[in-house]
Amino acid sequence: MAEPRAQSRTRRPRKADPFVIILTGGIASGKTAVSDRFAALGVPVIDTDIIAREVVAPGTPALKEVVDAFGPDILDASGSLDRMRMRGIVFSNPISKQKLEAILHPAIAASVREKISVLTSDYCILVVPLLVESGSYQWADRVLVVDVSEETQVTRVMARDISTREQAQAIINSQASRAERLALADDVIDNSGDLGALDAEVARLHHRYRELANAGRPLQ
């Protein structure tokens, strides 16, 4: 598959840190299926969705900031963030959404940097589902987009979440468009085929990423 030309990003100088491949894609595109296959090949996978939960665990500074900003009612009975309530507050309120992101994004970014700094692998996969929306991580080395048609997304969301077509379409419409994601891509995996094709494509990219990661490294 031909590789699309990515928009200009600020590349960091090659150094001892792993080569960082951002993995992104729309809802139900199959990001987890792809990241699981890289992990099975021994590639470290850092998932910003998981980190987003870690940084607001009970007792963390970020959770305290969220409570200070939105009040104690956003906690559940166990003292954890009530994600359903928080989602309801920010979903249709851009100001609240920006306030929450101003707290979470720096905490997530700091955790990402820390996790990458201790890796000894040639490269790592950094899963950022909402890469276009966040406008972050421009220092990464490469962007891999998992791509499927919008109709495939709708069908998968309906089956996975037992939702209506209208509900599935509303979720898709709330995210960046397929064209916007592809505009950032250095590499694209078409995940509309069978699992055998996906295995082969991940294996091909794994070989390619190891080559790229080692191309600019000084001899030890």
N, C-alpha and C. Protein backbone atom coordinates (compact mmCIF):
# COMPACT_ATOMS: atom_id res chain seq x y z
N MET A 1 0.85 -1.20 0.00
CA MET A 1 0.00 0.00 0.00
C MET A 1 0.88 1.25 0.00
N ALA A 2 0.57 2.20 -0.82
CA ALA A 2 1.34 3.44 -0.86
C ALA A 2 1.15 4.20 0.43
N GLU A 3 2.21 4.84 0.87
CA GLU A 3 2.15 5.59 2.12
C GLU A 3 1.79 7.03 1.83
N PRO A 4 0.72 7.56 2.49
CA PRO A 4 0.35 8.94 2.26
C PRO A 4 1.38 9.88 2.85
N ARG A 5 1.45 11.04 2.28
CA ARG A 5 2.38 12.04 2.78
C ARG A 5 1.78 12.74 3.98
N ALA A 6 2.48 12.72 5.10
CA ALA A 6 1.97 13.33 6.31
C ALA A 6 2.20 14.83 6.30
N GLN A 7 1.36 15.53 7.05
CA GLN A 7 1.58 16.96 7.25
C GLN A 7 2.85 17.15 8.05
N SER A 8 3.45 18.32 7.94
CA SER A 8 4.70 18.59 8.62
C SER A 8 4.52 18.53 10.12
N ARG A 9 5.43 17.80 10.78
CA ARG A 9 5.43 17.73 12.23
C ARG A 9 6.84 18.02 12.72
N THR A 10 6.96 18.47 13.93
CA THR A 10 8.25 18.75 14.51
C THR A 10 8.88 17.44 14.97
N ARG A 11 9.93 17.02 14.30
CA ARG A 11 10.57 15.77 14.65
C ARG A 11 11.63 16.01 15.71
N ARG A 12 11.71 15.13 16.67
CA ARG A 12 12.76 15.26 17.67
C ARG A 12 14.05 14.67 17.13
N PRO A 13 15.22 15.10 17.58
CA PRO A 13 16.48 14.53 17.11
C PRO A 13 16.56 13.05 17.50
N ARG A 14 17.22 12.24 16.68
CA ARG A 14 17.42 10.85 17.04
C ARG A 14 18.31 10.77 18.26
N LYS A 15 17.95 9.92 19.17
CA LYS A 15 18.74 9.73 20.37
C LYS A 15 18.47 8.33 20.89
N ALA A 16 18.81 8.08 22.15
CA ALA A 16 18.70 6.74 22.68
C ALA A 16 17.26 6.33 22.95
N ASP A 17 16.36 7.27 23.07
CA ASP A 17 14.96 6.93 23.33
C ASP A 17 14.41 6.10 22.18
N PRO A 18 13.39 5.28 22.45
CA PRO A 18 12.80 4.50 21.36
C PRO A 18 12.18 5.38 20.29
N PHE A 19 12.18 4.88 19.08
CA PHE A 19 11.42 5.48 17.98
C PHE A 19 9.95 5.37 18.37
N VAL A 20 9.20 6.46 18.25
CA VAL A 20 7.82 6.48 18.74
C VAL A 20 6.84 6.51 17.56
N ILE A 21 6.01 5.47 17.49
CA ILE A 21 4.98 5.38 16.46
C ILE A 21 3.63 5.64 17.12
N ILE A 22 2.96 6.70 16.72
CA ILE A 22 1.61 6.95 17.23
C ILE A 22 0.63 6.10 16.44
N LEU A 23 -0.22 5.39 17.15
CA LEU A 23 -1.29 4.60 16.55
C LEU A 23 -2.62 5.28 16.83
N THR A 24 -3.35 5.60 15.77
CA THR A 24 -4.62 6.28 15.96
C THR A 24 -5.64 5.74 14.95
N GLY A 25 -6.88 6.15 15.13
CA GLY A 25 -7.95 5.71 14.24
C GLY A 25 -9.28 6.05 14.87
N GLY A 26 -10.32 6.06 14.08
CA GLY A 26 -11.64 6.36 14.59
C GLY A 26 -12.21 5.23 15.42
N ILE A 27 -13.35 5.50 16.05
CA ILE A 27 -14.01 4.48 16.85
C ILE A 27 -14.30 3.24 16.00
N ALA A 28 -14.08 2.07 16.60
CA ALA A 28 -14.37 0.78 15.96
C ALA A 28 -13.55 0.52 14.70
N SER A 29 -12.42 1.21 14.57
CA SER A 29 -11.55 0.95 13.42
C SER A 29 -10.67 -0.28 13.66
N GLY A 30 -10.49 -0.66 14.92
CA GLY A 30 -9.67 -1.82 15.22
C GLY A 30 -8.30 -1.48 15.78
N LYS A 31 -8.20 -0.36 16.49
CA LYS A 31 -6.92 0.05 17.06
C LYS A 31 -6.38 -1.00 18.04
N THR A 32 -7.27 -1.55 18.86
CA THR A 32 -6.83 -2.55 19.85
C THR A 32 -6.34 -3.81 19.17
N ALA A 33 -7.01 -4.23 18.11
CA ALA A 33 -6.57 -5.41 17.37
C ALA A 33 -5.16 -5.21 16.82
N VAL A 34 -4.88 -4.00 16.36
CA VAL A 34 -3.55 -3.69 15.82
C VAL A 34 -2.53 -3.61 16.94
N SER A 35 -2.83 -2.87 18.00
CA SER A 35 -1.85 -2.72 19.09
C SER A 35 -1.57 -4.06 19.76
N ASP A 36 -2.58 -4.92 19.88
CA ASP A 36 -2.36 -6.25 20.46
C ASP A 36 -1.37 -7.06 19.63
N ARG A 37 -1.43 -6.91 18.32
CA ARG A 37 -0.53 -7.66 17.45
C ARG A 37 0.90 -7.14 17.56
N PHE A 38 1.07 -5.83 17.69
CA PHE A 38 2.42 -5.30 17.93
C PHE A 38 2.94 -5.79 19.27
N ALA A 39 2.08 -5.79 20.29
CA ALA A 39 2.50 -6.26 21.61
C ALA A 39 2.93 -7.72 21.56
N ALA A 40 2.21 -8.53 20.77
CA ALA A 40 2.56 -9.95 20.65
C ALA A 40 3.93 -10.14 20.00
N LEU A 41 4.39 -9.14 19.26
CA LEU A 41 5.72 -9.18 18.65
C LEU A 41 6.80 -8.63 19.58
N GLY A 42 6.40 -8.29 20.81
CA GLY A 42 7.35 -7.80 21.79
C GLY A 42 7.54 -6.30 21.80
N VAL A 43 6.68 -5.58 21.10
CA VAL A 43 6.79 -4.11 21.04
C VAL A 43 6.04 -3.50 22.23
N PRO A 44 6.68 -2.62 22.99
CA PRO A 44 5.96 -1.96 24.09
C PRO A 44 4.83 -1.09 23.55
N VAL A 45 3.67 -1.17 24.19
CA VAL A 45 2.50 -0.38 23.80
C VAL A 45 2.11 0.50 24.97
N ILE A 46 2.05 1.79 24.71
CA ILE A 46 1.61 2.77 25.71
C ILE A 46 0.29 3.34 25.23
N ASP A 47 -0.75 3.19 26.04
CA ASP A 47 -2.10 3.57 25.63
C ASP A 47 -2.55 4.79 26.44
N THR A 48 -2.80 5.90 25.76
CA THR A 48 -3.17 7.12 26.48
C THR A 48 -4.56 7.01 27.11
N ASP A 49 -5.41 6.11 26.62
CA ASP A 49 -6.70 5.90 27.28
C ASP A 49 -6.49 5.30 28.66
N ILE A 50 -5.56 4.36 28.77
CA ILE A 50 -5.24 3.76 30.07
C ILE A 50 -4.60 4.79 30.99
N ILE A 51 -3.68 5.57 30.43
CA ILE A 51 -3.02 6.60 31.23
C ILE A 51 -4.03 7.63 31.74
N ALA A 52 -5.02 7.95 30.90
CA ALA A 52 -6.04 8.93 31.31
C ALA A 52 -6.78 8.47 32.56
N ARG A 53 -6.91 7.17 32.73
CA ARG A 53 -7.54 6.64 33.94
C ARG A 53 -6.56 6.65 35.11
N GLU A 54 -5.31 6.35 34.82
CA GLU A 54 -4.29 6.29 35.87
C GLU A 54 -4.07 7.66 36.52
N VAL A 55 -4.07 8.73 35.71
CA VAL A 55 -3.72 10.04 36.26
C VAL A 55 -4.82 10.63 37.14
N VAL A 56 -6.04 10.06 37.07
CA VAL A 56 -7.11 10.55 37.95
C VAL A 56 -7.54 9.47 38.94
N ALA A 57 -6.64 8.54 39.24
CA ALA A 57 -6.92 7.55 40.27
C ALA A 57 -7.03 8.27 41.62
N PRO A 58 -7.74 7.69 42.59
CA PRO A 58 -7.86 8.32 43.91
C PRO A 58 -6.50 8.66 44.49
N GLY A 59 -6.39 9.89 45.01
CA GLY A 59 -5.15 10.34 45.63
C GLY A 59 -4.19 11.04 44.70
N THR A 60 -4.48 11.10 43.40
CA THR A 60 -3.56 11.75 42.46
C THR A 60 -3.79 13.26 42.43
N PRO A 61 -2.73 14.03 42.12
CA PRO A 61 -2.89 15.49 42.01
C PRO A 61 -3.92 15.89 40.97
N ALA A 62 -3.97 15.17 39.84
CA ALA A 62 -4.91 15.54 38.79
C ALA A 62 -6.36 15.38 39.25
N LEU A 63 -6.64 14.33 40.01
CA LEU A 63 -8.01 14.16 40.51
C LEU A 63 -8.39 15.29 41.45
N LYS A 64 -7.44 15.70 42.28
CA LYS A 64 -7.71 16.83 43.18
C LYS A 64 -8.03 18.09 42.38
N GLU A 65 -7.30 18.31 41.29
CA GLU A 65 -7.58 19.47 40.45
C GLU A 65 -8.96 19.39 39.81
N VAL A 66 -9.33 18.18 39.39
CA VAL A 66 -10.66 18.00 38.79
C VAL A 66 -11.75 18.29 39.82
N VAL A 67 -11.57 17.80 41.02
CA VAL A 67 -12.56 18.05 42.08
C VAL A 67 -12.62 19.54 42.40
N ASP A 68 -11.47 20.20 42.48
CA ASP A 68 -11.44 21.64 42.74
C ASP A 68 -12.18 22.41 41.64
N ALA A 69 -12.07 21.92 40.40
CA ALA A 69 -12.66 22.62 39.27
C ALA A 69 -14.15 22.34 39.12
N PHE A 70 -14.58 21.12 39.42
CA PHE A 70 -15.96 20.72 39.13
C PHE A 70 -16.79 20.36 40.37
N GLY A 71 -16.14 20.31 41.52
CA GLY A 71 -16.88 20.02 42.74
C GLY A 71 -16.84 18.55 43.11
N PRO A 72 -17.11 18.23 44.37
CA PRO A 72 -17.01 16.85 44.86
C PRO A 72 -18.07 15.91 44.29
N ASP A 73 -19.10 16.45 43.66
CA ASP A 73 -20.16 15.60 43.12
C ASP A 73 -19.70 14.76 41.94
N ILE A 74 -18.52 15.04 41.40
CA ILE A 74 -18.04 14.24 40.28
C ILE A 74 -17.33 12.97 40.76
N LEU A 75 -17.31 12.75 42.08
CA LEU A 75 -16.75 11.52 42.64
C LEU A 75 -17.87 10.54 42.95
N ASP A 76 -17.57 9.25 42.80
CA ASP A 76 -18.56 8.25 43.19
C ASP A 76 -18.37 7.88 44.66
N ALA A 77 -19.11 6.90 45.14
CA ALA A 77 -19.08 6.56 46.56
C ALA A 77 -17.72 6.07 47.04
N SER A 78 -16.91 5.54 46.12
CA SER A 78 -15.59 5.02 46.49
C SER A 78 -14.51 6.09 46.45
N GLY A 79 -14.86 7.31 46.02
CA GLY A 79 -13.88 8.37 45.90
C GLY A 79 -13.19 8.42 44.56
N SER A 80 -13.66 7.59 43.62
CA SER A 80 -13.11 7.61 42.26
C SER A 80 -13.90 8.57 41.39
N LEU A 81 -13.31 8.96 40.28
CA LEU A 81 -13.99 9.84 39.34
C LEU A 81 -15.20 9.13 38.75
N ASP A 82 -16.36 9.76 38.83
CA ASP A 82 -17.58 9.22 38.21
C ASP A 82 -17.53 9.61 36.73
N ARG A 83 -17.05 8.70 35.91
CA ARG A 83 -16.80 9.02 34.51
C ARG A 83 -18.07 9.31 33.73
N MET A 84 -19.14 8.61 34.08
CA MET A 84 -20.40 8.86 33.40
C MET A 84 -20.90 10.28 33.69
N ARG A 85 -20.80 10.69 34.93
CA ARG A 85 -21.23 12.04 35.30
C ARG A 85 -20.32 13.10 34.67
N MET A 86 -19.01 12.82 34.69
CA MET A 86 -18.06 13.76 34.10
C MET A 86 -18.30 13.90 32.61
N ARG A 87 -18.58 12.77 31.94
CA ARG A 87 -18.85 12.79 30.51
C ARG A 87 -20.09 13.64 30.22
N GLY A 88 -21.10 13.51 31.06
CA GLY A 88 -22.32 14.28 30.87
C GLY A 88 -22.09 15.77 31.02
N ILE A 89 -21.16 16.15 31.91
CA ILE A 89 -20.88 17.57 32.14
C ILE A 89 -20.17 18.19 30.94
N VAL A 90 -19.21 17.46 30.36
CA VAL A 90 -18.36 18.06 29.32
C VAL A 90 -18.86 17.81 27.90
N PHE A 91 -19.76 16.83 27.72
CA PHE A 91 -20.14 16.44 26.36
C PHE A 91 -20.70 17.59 25.54
N SER A 92 -21.57 18.37 26.14
CA SER A 92 -22.21 19.45 25.38
C SER A 92 -21.81 20.83 25.90
N ASN A 93 -20.72 20.89 26.65
CA ASN A 93 -20.27 22.16 27.22
C ASN A 93 -18.80 22.39 26.87
N PRO A 94 -18.52 23.12 25.82
CA PRO A 94 -17.13 23.31 25.38
C PRO A 94 -16.23 23.92 26.44
N ILE A 95 -16.76 24.82 27.25
CA ILE A 95 -15.93 25.46 28.29
C ILE A 95 -15.51 24.44 29.34
N SER A 96 -16.45 23.60 29.77
CA SER A 96 -16.13 22.56 30.74
C SER A 96 -15.15 21.55 30.15
N LYS A 97 -15.34 21.23 28.88
CA LYS A 97 -14.44 20.30 28.21
C LYS A 97 -13.02 20.85 28.17
N GLN A 98 -12.88 22.12 27.84
CA GLN A 98 -11.56 22.75 27.80
C GLN A 98 -10.93 22.79 29.19
N LYS A 99 -11.75 23.04 30.20
CA LYS A 99 -11.25 23.08 31.58
C LYS A 99 -10.71 21.71 31.99
N LEU A 100 -11.46 20.65 31.64
CA LEU A 100 -11.01 19.31 31.98
C LEU A 100 -9.75 18.94 31.22
N GLU A 101 -9.71 19.25 29.95
CA GLU A 101 -8.54 18.92 29.13
C GLU A 101 -7.29 19.66 29.62
N ALA A 102 -7.46 20.89 30.11
CA ALA A 102 -6.33 21.65 30.61
C ALA A 102 -5.71 20.98 31.84
N ILE A 103 -6.50 20.20 32.54
CA ILE A 103 -5.99 19.45 33.70
C ILE A 103 -5.39 18.12 33.25
N LEU A 104 -6.11 17.41 32.41
CA LEU A 104 -5.71 16.05 32.07
C LEU A 104 -4.56 15.96 31.08
N HIS A 105 -4.58 16.80 30.04
CA HIS A 105 -3.59 16.65 28.99
C HIS A 105 -2.14 16.78 29.48
N PRO A 106 -1.82 17.78 30.31
CA PRO A 106 -0.43 17.85 30.81
C PRO A 106 -0.06 16.64 31.66
N ALA A 107 -1.00 16.16 32.46
CA ALA A 107 -0.72 14.99 33.31
C ALA A 107 -0.49 13.75 32.46
N ILE A 108 -1.30 13.58 31.43
CA ILE A 108 -1.15 12.44 30.53
C ILE A 108 0.17 12.53 29.77
N ALA A 109 0.48 13.72 29.26
CA ALA A 109 1.72 13.90 28.49
C ALA A 109 2.95 13.62 29.35
N ALA A 110 2.93 14.06 30.60
CA ALA A 110 4.06 13.81 31.50
C ALA A 110 4.23 12.32 31.76
N SER A 111 3.12 11.62 31.93
CA SER A 111 3.18 10.17 32.16
C SER A 111 3.70 9.45 30.92
N VAL A 112 3.27 9.89 29.75
CA VAL A 112 3.76 9.29 28.50
C VAL A 112 5.27 9.43 28.39
N ARG A 113 5.77 10.63 28.63
CA ARG A 113 7.21 10.88 28.55
C ARG A 113 7.97 9.99 29.54
N GLU A 114 7.43 9.87 30.74
CA GLU A 114 8.09 9.06 31.77
C GLU A 114 8.14 7.59 31.35
N LYS A 115 7.04 7.08 30.82
CA LYS A 115 6.99 5.68 30.41
C LYS A 115 7.94 5.42 29.24
N ILE A 116 8.02 6.35 28.31
CA ILE A 116 8.93 6.17 27.17
C ILE A 116 10.38 6.22 27.63
N SER A 117 10.69 7.06 28.60
CA SER A 117 12.08 7.27 29.01
C SER A 117 12.73 6.03 29.60
N VAL A 118 11.93 5.09 30.11
CA VAL A 118 12.51 3.91 30.74
C VAL A 118 12.54 2.70 29.80
N LEU A 119 12.08 2.86 28.57
CA LEU A 119 12.06 1.75 27.63
C LEU A 119 13.44 1.53 27.03
N THR A 120 13.73 0.28 26.69
CA THR A 120 15.00 -0.05 26.06
C THR A 120 14.81 -0.67 24.67
N SER A 121 13.58 -0.65 24.18
CA SER A 121 13.27 -1.25 22.88
C SER A 121 13.67 -0.32 21.74
N ASP A 122 13.72 -0.89 20.52
CA ASP A 122 14.01 -0.10 19.33
C ASP A 122 12.93 0.96 19.10
N TYR A 123 11.68 0.52 19.24
CA TYR A 123 10.58 1.45 19.04
C TYR A 123 9.41 1.05 19.93
N CYS A 124 8.46 1.96 20.06
CA CYS A 124 7.26 1.67 20.84
C CYS A 124 6.04 2.21 20.10
N ILE A 125 4.89 1.66 20.46
CA ILE A 125 3.62 2.11 19.93
C ILE A 125 2.94 2.98 20.99
N LEU A 126 2.56 4.19 20.61
CA LEU A 126 1.84 5.09 21.50
C LEU A 126 0.43 5.25 20.94
N VAL A 127 -0.55 4.68 21.63
CA VAL A 127 -1.94 4.72 21.18
C VAL A 127 -2.58 6.04 21.60
N VAL A 128 -2.98 6.84 20.62
CA VAL A 128 -3.64 8.13 20.87
C VAL A 128 -4.92 8.17 20.03
N PRO A 129 -6.04 7.68 20.57
CA PRO A 129 -7.27 7.61 19.78
C PRO A 129 -7.69 8.96 19.19
N LEU A 130 -7.58 10.02 19.98
CA LEU A 130 -8.04 11.34 19.51
C LEU A 130 -6.85 12.23 19.16
N LEU A 131 -5.99 11.73 18.31
CA LEU A 131 -4.78 12.48 17.94
C LEU A 131 -5.11 13.80 17.27
N VAL A 132 -5.99 13.78 16.28
CA VAL A 132 -6.34 15.00 15.55
C VAL A 132 -6.96 16.01 16.50
N GLU A 133 -7.87 15.54 17.33
CA GLU A 133 -8.60 16.43 18.23
C GLU A 133 -7.67 17.07 19.27
N SER A 134 -6.68 16.32 19.73
CA SER A 134 -5.80 16.84 20.78
C SER A 134 -4.75 17.80 20.25
N GLY A 135 -4.32 17.60 19.00
CA GLY A 135 -3.27 18.44 18.45
C GLY A 135 -1.94 18.26 19.14
N SER A 136 -1.77 17.16 19.87
CA SER A 136 -0.57 16.94 20.67
C SER A 136 0.35 15.90 20.03
N TYR A 137 1.47 15.65 20.70
CA TYR A 137 2.43 14.61 20.33
C TYR A 137 3.09 14.85 18.97
N GLN A 138 3.32 16.11 18.65
CA GLN A 138 3.98 16.42 17.38
C GLN A 138 5.45 16.01 17.40
N TRP A 139 5.97 15.68 18.58
CA TRP A 139 7.36 15.25 18.68
C TRP A 139 7.55 13.78 18.29
N ALA A 140 6.47 13.05 18.11
CA ALA A 140 6.59 11.63 17.76
C ALA A 140 7.23 11.46 16.39
N ASP A 141 7.75 10.29 16.13
CA ASP A 141 8.49 10.05 14.90
C ASP A 141 7.61 9.70 13.71
N ARG A 142 6.47 9.08 13.97
CA ARG A 142 5.66 8.58 12.86
C ARG A 142 4.23 8.36 13.34
N VAL A 143 3.27 8.46 12.40
CA VAL A 143 1.86 8.24 12.73
C VAL A 143 1.32 7.10 11.87
N LEU A 144 0.73 6.13 12.55
CA LEU A 144 0.08 4.99 11.88
C LEU A 144 -1.43 5.11 12.11
N VAL A 145 -2.19 5.20 11.03
CA VAL A 145 -3.64 5.31 11.11
C VAL A 145 -4.28 3.97 10.75
N VAL A 146 -5.15 3.49 11.63
CA VAL A 146 -5.96 2.31 11.33
C VAL A 146 -7.24 2.82 10.66
N ASP A 147 -7.47 2.39 9.44
CA ASP A 147 -8.53 2.99 8.64
C ASP A 147 -9.56 1.96 8.20
N VAL A 148 -10.83 2.33 8.30
CA VAL A 148 -11.94 1.57 7.72
C VAL A 148 -12.94 2.59 7.19
N SER A 149 -13.87 2.13 6.40
CA SER A 149 -14.90 3.04 5.90
C SER A 149 -15.83 3.45 7.03
N GLU A 150 -16.50 4.58 6.85
CA GLU A 150 -17.45 5.04 7.87
C GLU A 150 -18.59 4.04 8.05
N GLU A 151 -19.00 3.42 6.97
CA GLU A 151 -20.08 2.42 7.08
C GLU A 151 -19.64 1.23 7.92
N THR A 152 -18.37 0.84 7.79
CA THR A 152 -17.85 -0.24 8.62
C THR A 152 -17.84 0.17 10.08
N GLN A 153 -17.45 1.42 10.35
CA GLN A 153 -17.48 1.91 11.72
C GLN A 153 -18.90 1.83 12.30
N VAL A 154 -19.88 2.32 11.53
CA VAL A 154 -21.26 2.31 11.99
C VAL A 154 -21.70 0.89 12.32
N THR A 155 -21.43 -0.04 11.42
CA THR A 155 -21.85 -1.43 11.61
C THR A 155 -21.20 -2.03 12.85
N ARG A 156 -19.91 -1.76 13.04
CA ARG A 156 -19.20 -2.32 14.19
C ARG A 156 -19.67 -1.70 15.50
N VAL A 157 -19.89 -0.40 15.52
CA VAL A 157 -20.37 0.25 16.74
C VAL A 157 -21.75 -0.29 17.12
N MET A 158 -22.62 -0.43 16.14
CA MET A 158 -23.96 -0.96 16.41
C MET A 158 -23.89 -2.36 17.02
N ALA A 159 -23.00 -3.20 16.47
CA ALA A 159 -22.88 -4.57 16.97
C ALA A 159 -22.21 -4.62 18.33
N ARG A 160 -21.19 -3.79 18.51
CA ARG A 160 -20.42 -3.83 19.75
C ARG A 160 -21.16 -3.22 20.92
N ASP A 161 -21.80 -2.08 20.69
CA ASP A 161 -22.45 -1.34 21.77
C ASP A 161 -23.96 -1.52 21.80
N ILE A 162 -24.48 -2.36 20.93
CA ILE A 162 -25.93 -2.58 20.81
C ILE A 162 -26.66 -1.23 20.73
N SER A 163 -26.20 -0.40 19.82
CA SER A 163 -26.77 0.93 19.66
C SER A 163 -27.49 1.03 18.31
N THR A 164 -28.25 2.09 18.16
CA THR A 164 -28.94 2.33 16.89
C THR A 164 -27.97 2.95 15.90
N ARG A 165 -28.36 2.94 14.63
CA ARG A 165 -27.54 3.57 13.60
C ARG A 165 -27.35 5.05 13.90
N GLU A 166 -28.41 5.72 14.36
CA GLU A 166 -28.33 7.15 14.65
C GLU A 166 -27.34 7.41 15.78
N GLN A 167 -27.35 6.58 16.83
CA GLN A 167 -26.43 6.74 17.94
C GLN A 167 -24.99 6.51 17.49
N ALA A 168 -24.79 5.47 16.70
CA ALA A 168 -23.45 5.18 16.20
C ALA A 168 -22.93 6.32 15.33
N GLN A 169 -23.79 6.85 14.46
CA GLN A 169 -23.38 7.94 13.58
C GLN A 169 -23.07 9.20 14.37
N ALA A 170 -23.80 9.45 15.45
CA ALA A 170 -23.55 10.64 16.28
C ALA A 170 -22.17 10.57 16.92
N ILE A 171 -21.78 9.38 17.37
CA ILE A 171 -20.46 9.23 17.96
C ILE A 171 -19.38 9.48 16.92
N ILE A 172 -19.55 8.90 15.74
CA ILE A 172 -18.58 9.08 14.67
C ILE A 172 -18.48 10.55 14.27
N ASN A 173 -19.62 11.23 14.20
CA ASN A 173 -19.63 12.65 13.81
C ASN A 173 -18.95 13.54 14.85
N SER A 174 -18.88 13.07 16.10
CA SER A 174 -18.25 13.87 17.16
C SER A 174 -16.73 13.80 17.11
N GLN A 175 -16.21 12.86 16.32
CA GLN A 175 -14.77 12.70 16.19
C GLN A 175 -14.27 13.39 14.91
N ALA A 176 -12.95 13.48 14.82
CA ALA A 176 -12.35 14.01 13.59
C ALA A 176 -12.77 13.14 12.41
N SER A 177 -12.77 13.72 11.24
CA SER A 177 -13.18 12.98 10.05
C SER A 177 -12.09 12.01 9.61
N ARG A 178 -12.49 11.06 8.81
CA ARG A 178 -11.55 10.10 8.24
C ARG A 178 -10.47 10.84 7.45
N ALA A 179 -10.86 11.84 6.69
CA ALA A 179 -9.90 12.59 5.88
C ALA A 179 -8.88 13.32 6.76
N GLU A 180 -9.34 13.86 7.88
CA GLU A 180 -8.43 14.57 8.79
C GLU A 180 -7.40 13.62 9.39
N ARG A 181 -7.83 12.41 9.74
CA ARG A 181 -6.87 11.44 10.28
C ARG A 181 -5.86 11.03 9.21
N LEU A 182 -6.35 10.74 8.00
CA LEU A 182 -5.45 10.30 6.94
C LEU A 182 -4.45 11.37 6.55
N ALA A 183 -4.82 12.63 6.74
CA ALA A 183 -3.91 13.73 6.40
C ALA A 183 -2.68 13.74 7.30
N LEU A 184 -2.78 13.13 8.47
CA LEU A 184 -1.64 13.07 9.39
C LEU A 184 -0.82 11.79 9.25
N ALA A 185 -1.28 10.87 8.43
CA ALA A 185 -0.70 9.53 8.40
C ALA A 185 0.62 9.45 7.65
N ASP A 186 1.57 8.76 8.25
CA ASP A 186 2.76 8.30 7.53
C ASP A 186 2.51 6.90 6.98
N ASP A 187 1.73 6.12 7.74
CA ASP A 187 1.40 4.76 7.34
C ASP A 187 -0.08 4.53 7.61
N VAL A 188 -0.69 3.66 6.81
CA VAL A 188 -2.11 3.35 6.96
C VAL A 188 -2.29 1.83 6.93
N ILE A 189 -3.05 1.32 7.89
CA ILE A 189 -3.48 -0.07 7.85
C ILE A 189 -4.96 -0.09 7.50
N ASP A 190 -5.29 -0.73 6.39
CA ASP A 190 -6.68 -0.92 6.02
C ASP A 190 -7.20 -2.14 6.79
N ASN A 191 -8.05 -1.90 7.78
CA ASN A 191 -8.51 -2.97 8.66
C ASN A 191 -9.91 -3.44 8.30
N SER A 192 -10.24 -3.40 7.02
CA SER A 192 -11.55 -3.87 6.59
C SER A 192 -11.51 -5.32 6.10
N GLY A 193 -10.31 -5.92 6.10
CA GLY A 193 -10.18 -7.28 5.62
C GLY A 193 -10.22 -8.30 6.74
N ASP A 194 -9.64 -9.48 6.46
CA ASP A 194 -9.66 -10.55 7.46
C ASP A 194 -8.44 -10.43 8.37
N LEU A 195 -8.42 -11.27 9.42
CA LEU A 195 -7.36 -11.20 10.42
C LEU A 195 -6.01 -11.63 9.84
N GLY A 196 -6.04 -12.50 8.86
CA GLY A 196 -4.78 -12.90 8.22
C GLY A 196 -4.11 -11.73 7.53
N ALA A 197 -4.90 -10.90 6.86
CA ALA A 197 -4.35 -9.71 6.19
C ALA A 197 -3.81 -8.73 7.23
N LEU A 198 -4.50 -8.61 8.35
CA LEU A 198 -4.05 -7.70 9.42
C LEU A 198 -2.73 -8.20 10.00
N ASP A 199 -2.62 -9.50 10.25
CA ASP A 199 -1.37 -10.06 10.77
C ASP A 199 -0.21 -9.75 9.83
N ALA A 200 -0.43 -9.93 8.55
CA ALA A 200 0.63 -9.71 7.57
C ALA A 200 1.06 -8.24 7.52
N GLU A 201 0.08 -7.35 7.61
CA GLU A 201 0.40 -5.92 7.54
C GLU A 201 1.16 -5.46 8.78
N VAL A 202 0.77 -5.96 9.95
CA VAL A 202 1.49 -5.60 11.17
C VAL A 202 2.91 -6.15 11.12
N ALA A 203 3.09 -7.36 10.64
CA ALA A 203 4.42 -7.94 10.52
C ALA A 203 5.30 -7.12 9.58
N ARG A 204 4.72 -6.68 8.47
CA ARG A 204 5.47 -5.86 7.52
C ARG A 204 5.91 -4.54 8.16
N LEU A 205 4.99 -3.90 8.87
CA LEU A 205 5.31 -2.62 9.50
C LEU A 205 6.30 -2.80 10.64
N HIS A 206 6.20 -3.90 11.36
CA HIS A 206 7.16 -4.17 12.44
C HIS A 206 8.58 -4.21 11.89
N HIS A 207 8.77 -4.90 10.78
CA HIS A 207 10.08 -4.95 10.15
C HIS A 207 10.52 -3.56 9.70
N ARG A 208 9.61 -2.81 9.10
CA ARG A 208 9.92 -1.46 8.62
C ARG A 208 10.28 -0.53 9.77
N TYR A 209 9.54 -0.60 10.88
CA TYR A 209 9.79 0.29 12.01
C TYR A 209 11.13 -0.03 12.69
N ARG A 210 11.49 -1.29 12.73
CA ARG A 210 12.79 -1.64 13.31
C ARG A 210 13.92 -1.07 12.45
N GLU A 211 13.73 -1.12 11.15
CA GLU A 211 14.72 -0.53 10.25
C GLU A 211 14.84 0.98 10.47
N LEU A 212 13.70 1.65 10.54
CA LEU A 212 13.70 3.10 10.72
C LEU A 212 14.28 3.49 12.07
N ALA A 213 13.96 2.71 13.10
CA ALA A 213 14.43 3.04 14.44
C ALA A 213 15.94 2.95 14.55
N ASN A 214 16.51 2.02 13.82
CA ASN A 214 17.96 1.81 13.92
C ASN A 214 18.77 2.57 12.88
N ALA A 215 18.10 3.18 11.94
CA ALA A 215 18.81 3.85 10.84
C ALA A 215 19.69 5.00 11.33
N GLY A 216 19.18 5.75 12.33
CA GLY A 216 19.93 6.92 12.77
C GLY A 216 20.61 6.77 14.10
N ARG A 217 20.71 5.54 14.60
CA ARG A 217 21.29 5.34 15.92
C ARG A 217 22.81 5.21 15.82
N PRO A 218 23.53 5.83 16.73
CA PRO A 218 24.99 5.63 16.76
C PRO A 218 25.32 4.22 17.22
N LEU A 219 26.44 3.68 16.76
CA LEU A 219 26.89 2.38 17.20
C LEU A 219 27.25 2.44 18.67
N GLN A 220 26.87 1.41 19.41
CA GLN A 220 27.20 1.37 20.85
C GLN A 220 28.59 0.80 21.05
